[in-house]
Amino acid sequence: MEKIDWFGVNARSAKKYEALMGNLDGVRFAFEDAEKAITDYAPEGSSGAWQAVEKEVLKKALADAYADLASLRVSIVRHESKLKSWEWSL
C-alpha cells in the first residue's frame, strides 16, 4: 500500500532539505572568501587593546570550520531520506 502525503508534508520537507543543502554551499563559498582574506592578511603590530592574530591561527580556525562543515554535510546526507520524508524545521 502506498502512503498518501495528504498535506504535502513530504514535499515541504524535500524543499527544506534542498534549501539546507543550498545554504551549506553558501557557507562553503563564505569560507572560500575567508580563505582568500587569510591569504592576503598581513598581521600588524599590536596597538593598545588590539592584538595581531597570527596567520597560522586563522588558517587552523578555518580548517576546523571546514572539517565541521564536512562532518555536518556527511551527517545530513546520511539521514537524507528521513529529512525528506518528515516535517522538520530549522
Protein backbone atom coordinates (compact mmCIF):
# COMPACT_ATOMS: atom_id res chain seq x y z
CA MET A 1 0.00 0.00 0.00
CA GLU A 2 1.35 3.40 -0.95
CA LYS A 3 1.35 6.24 1.55
CA ILE A 4 -0.51 9.35 0.52
CA ASP A 5 1.00 12.66 1.51
CA TRP A 6 -2.32 14.38 2.23
CA PHE A 7 -0.92 17.67 3.49
CA GLY A 8 2.20 17.91 1.34
CA VAL A 9 4.45 17.31 4.33
CA ASN A 10 6.98 15.31 2.34
CA ALA A 11 7.08 17.88 -0.46
CA ARG A 12 7.73 20.67 2.07
CA SER A 13 10.40 18.58 3.77
CA ALA A 14 12.11 17.91 0.44
CA LYS A 15 12.13 21.65 -0.29
CA LYS A 16 13.58 22.37 3.15
CA TYR A 17 16.26 19.75 2.55
CA GLU A 18 17.23 21.36 -0.77
CA ALA A 19 17.31 24.79 0.90
CA LEU A 20 19.53 23.41 3.67
CA MET A 21 21.97 21.94 1.16
CA GLY A 22 21.98 25.26 -0.72
CA ASN A 23 22.73 27.11 2.50
CA LEU A 24 25.64 24.76 3.17
CA ASP A 25 27.01 25.65 -0.26
CA GLY A 26 26.67 29.32 0.69
CA VAL A 27 28.67 28.69 3.86
CA ARG A 28 31.35 26.95 1.81
CA PHE A 29 31.56 29.97 -0.50
CA ALA A 30 31.93 32.23 2.53
CA PHE A 31 34.75 30.00 3.79
CA GLU A 32 36.46 30.31 0.41
CA ASP A 33 36.23 34.11 0.70
CA ALA A 34 37.67 33.89 4.21
CA GLU A 35 40.49 31.71 2.90
CA LYS A 36 41.36 34.42 0.34
CA ALA A 37 41.23 37.07 3.07
CA ILE A 38 43.56 35.00 5.26
CA THR A 39 45.97 34.60 2.34
CA ASP A 40 46.02 38.38 1.89
CA TYR A 41 46.15 39.08 5.65
CA ALA A 42 49.27 40.82 6.90
CA PRO A 43 49.38 40.98 10.72
CA GLU A 44 50.45 44.31 12.08
CA GLY A 45 51.96 45.02 15.47
CA SER A 46 49.65 45.21 18.44
CA SER A 47 48.42 48.61 19.49
CA GLY A 48 46.53 49.23 22.70
CA ALA A 49 43.81 46.66 23.25
CA TRP A 50 44.13 45.31 19.71
CA GLN A 51 46.49 42.43 19.16
CA ALA A 52 47.58 40.94 15.88
CA VAL A 53 46.43 37.40 15.15
CA GLU A 54 48.96 35.05 13.67
CA LYS A 55 48.11 33.85 10.18
CA GLU A 56 48.55 30.21 11.21
CA VAL A 57 45.91 30.61 13.94
CA LEU A 58 43.46 31.89 11.35
CA LYS A 59 44.33 29.05 8.97
CA LYS A 60 43.78 26.46 11.72
CA ALA A 61 40.43 28.00 12.68
CA LEU A 62 39.34 27.93 9.04
CA ALA A 63 40.49 24.31 8.66
CA ASP A 64 38.46 23.40 11.77
CA ALA A 65 35.42 25.17 10.32
CA TYR A 66 35.84 23.29 7.02
CA ALA A 67 36.06 19.99 8.93
CA ASP A 68 32.89 20.81 10.90
CA LEU A 69 31.06 21.73 7.69
CA ALA A 70 32.16 18.49 6.04
CA SER A 71 31.01 16.50 9.07
CA LEU A 72 27.64 18.25 9.03
CA ARG A 73 27.24 17.58 5.31
CA VAL A 74 28.05 13.88 5.79
CA SER A 75 25.52 13.61 8.61
CA ILE A 76 22.83 15.36 6.57
CA VAL A 77 23.42 13.15 3.53
CA ARG A 78 23.40 10.05 5.74
CA HIS A 79 19.93 11.00 7.00
CA GLU A 80 18.67 12.36 3.69
CA SER A 81 15.68 10.03 3.41
CA LYS A 82 14.47 10.90 6.92
CA LEU A 83 14.91 14.62 6.35
CA LYS A 84 12.99 14.50 3.08
CA SER A 85 10.08 12.49 4.43
CA TRP A 86 9.26 14.14 7.76
CA GLU A 87 8.25 17.63 8.72
CA TRP A 88 11.17 19.39 10.37
CA SER A 89 12.17 22.98 10.90
CA LEU A 90 15.35 24.97 11.34
